[in-house]
């Protein structure tokens, strides 16, 4: 299973991600910001508090998103 080793939240509500597989990918969080607990992340300052823990992306208040979702629904970052 892929695990997240680094995350960089971006101004456009995307997450720049680096995985244990060596993959460098982008994940668009915008479709999730109107869903359940993720509505808290509509505030850019909250969104930018993303960090890596437990092999995935987390935010304060016990928010996280499955690493499989991050990998499967992201696209390769252009270098």
Protein backbone atom coordinates (compact mmCIF):
# COMPACT_ATOMS: atom_id res chain seq x y z
CA UNK A 1 0.00 0.00 0.00
CA UNK A 2 1.17 3.52 -0.79
CA UNK A 3 1.83 5.77 2.14
CA UNK A 4 2.25 9.54 2.15
CA UNK A 5 5.70 10.71 3.19
CA UNK A 6 5.35 14.45 2.50
CA UNK A 7 2.52 16.90 1.87
CA UNK A 8 2.49 20.50 0.73
CA UNK A 9 -0.93 22.20 0.79
CA UNK A 10 -1.30 24.72 -2.02
CA UNK A 11 -3.25 27.98 -2.35
CA UNK A 12 -5.70 26.41 -4.83
CA UNK A 13 -6.85 23.73 -2.34
CA UNK A 14 -4.75 21.01 -3.88
CA UNK A 15 -2.31 18.84 -2.01
CA UNK A 16 1.10 18.22 -3.44
CA UNK A 17 2.00 14.71 -2.28
CA UNK A 18 5.03 12.47 -2.18
CA UNK A 19 4.46 8.77 -1.63
CA UNK A 20 6.63 5.94 -0.33
CA UNK A 21 6.59 4.52 -3.86
CA UNK A 22 8.53 7.56 -5.11
CA UNK A 23 5.45 8.99 -6.83
CA UNK A 24 4.95 12.77 -6.77
CA UNK A 25 1.25 13.57 -7.27
CA UNK A 26 -1.42 16.30 -6.94
CA UNK A 27 -4.78 15.77 -5.24
CA UNK A 28 -7.63 18.25 -5.67
CA UNK A 29 -9.51 18.71 -2.39
CA UNK A 30 -12.11 21.14 -3.81
CA UNK A 31 -14.76 18.43 -4.49
CA UNK A 32 -14.51 17.34 -0.83
CA UNK A 33 -14.87 20.76 0.78
CA UNK A 34 -18.69 20.60 0.75
CA UNK A 35 -18.78 17.14 2.36
CA UNK A 36 -19.15 16.39 6.05
CA UNK A 37 -16.17 17.13 8.26
CA UNK A 38 -14.13 18.47 5.35
CA UNK A 39 -16.21 21.69 5.28
CA UNK A 40 -13.86 22.92 8.03
CA UNK A 41 -11.11 23.00 5.43
CA UNK A 42 -12.82 25.67 3.30
CA UNK A 43 -10.84 28.11 5.41
CA UNK A 44 -7.49 28.23 3.62
CA UNK A 45 -5.59 28.77 6.85
CA UNK A 46 -7.09 25.53 8.21
CA UNK A 47 -6.45 23.67 4.95
CA UNK A 48 -2.80 24.71 5.01
CA UNK A 49 -2.32 23.06 8.41
CA UNK A 50 -2.10 19.66 6.70
CA UNK A 51 0.60 17.34 7.96
CA UNK A 52 1.65 13.71 7.53
CA UNK A 53 0.85 11.18 10.25
CA UNK A 54 -0.11 7.51 10.23
CA UNK A 55 1.03 7.24 6.56
CA UNK A 56 -1.54 9.77 5.31
CA UNK A 57 -2.55 13.44 5.34
CA UNK A 58 -4.12 14.74 8.53
CA UNK A 59 -5.38 18.04 9.88
CA UNK A 60 -6.08 19.19 13.43
CA UNK A 61 -9.38 18.02 14.97
CA UNK A 62 -8.74 14.41 13.94
CA UNK A 63 -9.37 14.97 10.23
CA UNK A 64 -7.67 12.68 7.76
CA UNK A 65 -8.16 11.14 4.37
CA UNK A 66 -7.28 7.60 3.33
CA UNK A 67 -3.93 7.25 1.56
CA UNK A 68 -5.57 4.98 -1.04
CA UNK A 69 -7.99 7.79 -1.91
CA UNK A 70 -5.15 10.27 -2.17
CA UNK A 71 -3.20 8.02 -4.50
CA UNK A 72 -6.05 6.67 -6.63
CA UNK A 73 -7.74 10.05 -7.19
CA UNK A 74 -4.63 12.12 -7.74
CA UNK A 75 -2.62 12.75 -10.86
CA UNK A 76 1.11 12.92 -11.51
CA UNK A 77 2.71 16.26 -10.70
CA UNK A 78 4.63 17.88 -13.51
CA UNK A 79 8.23 18.60 -12.64
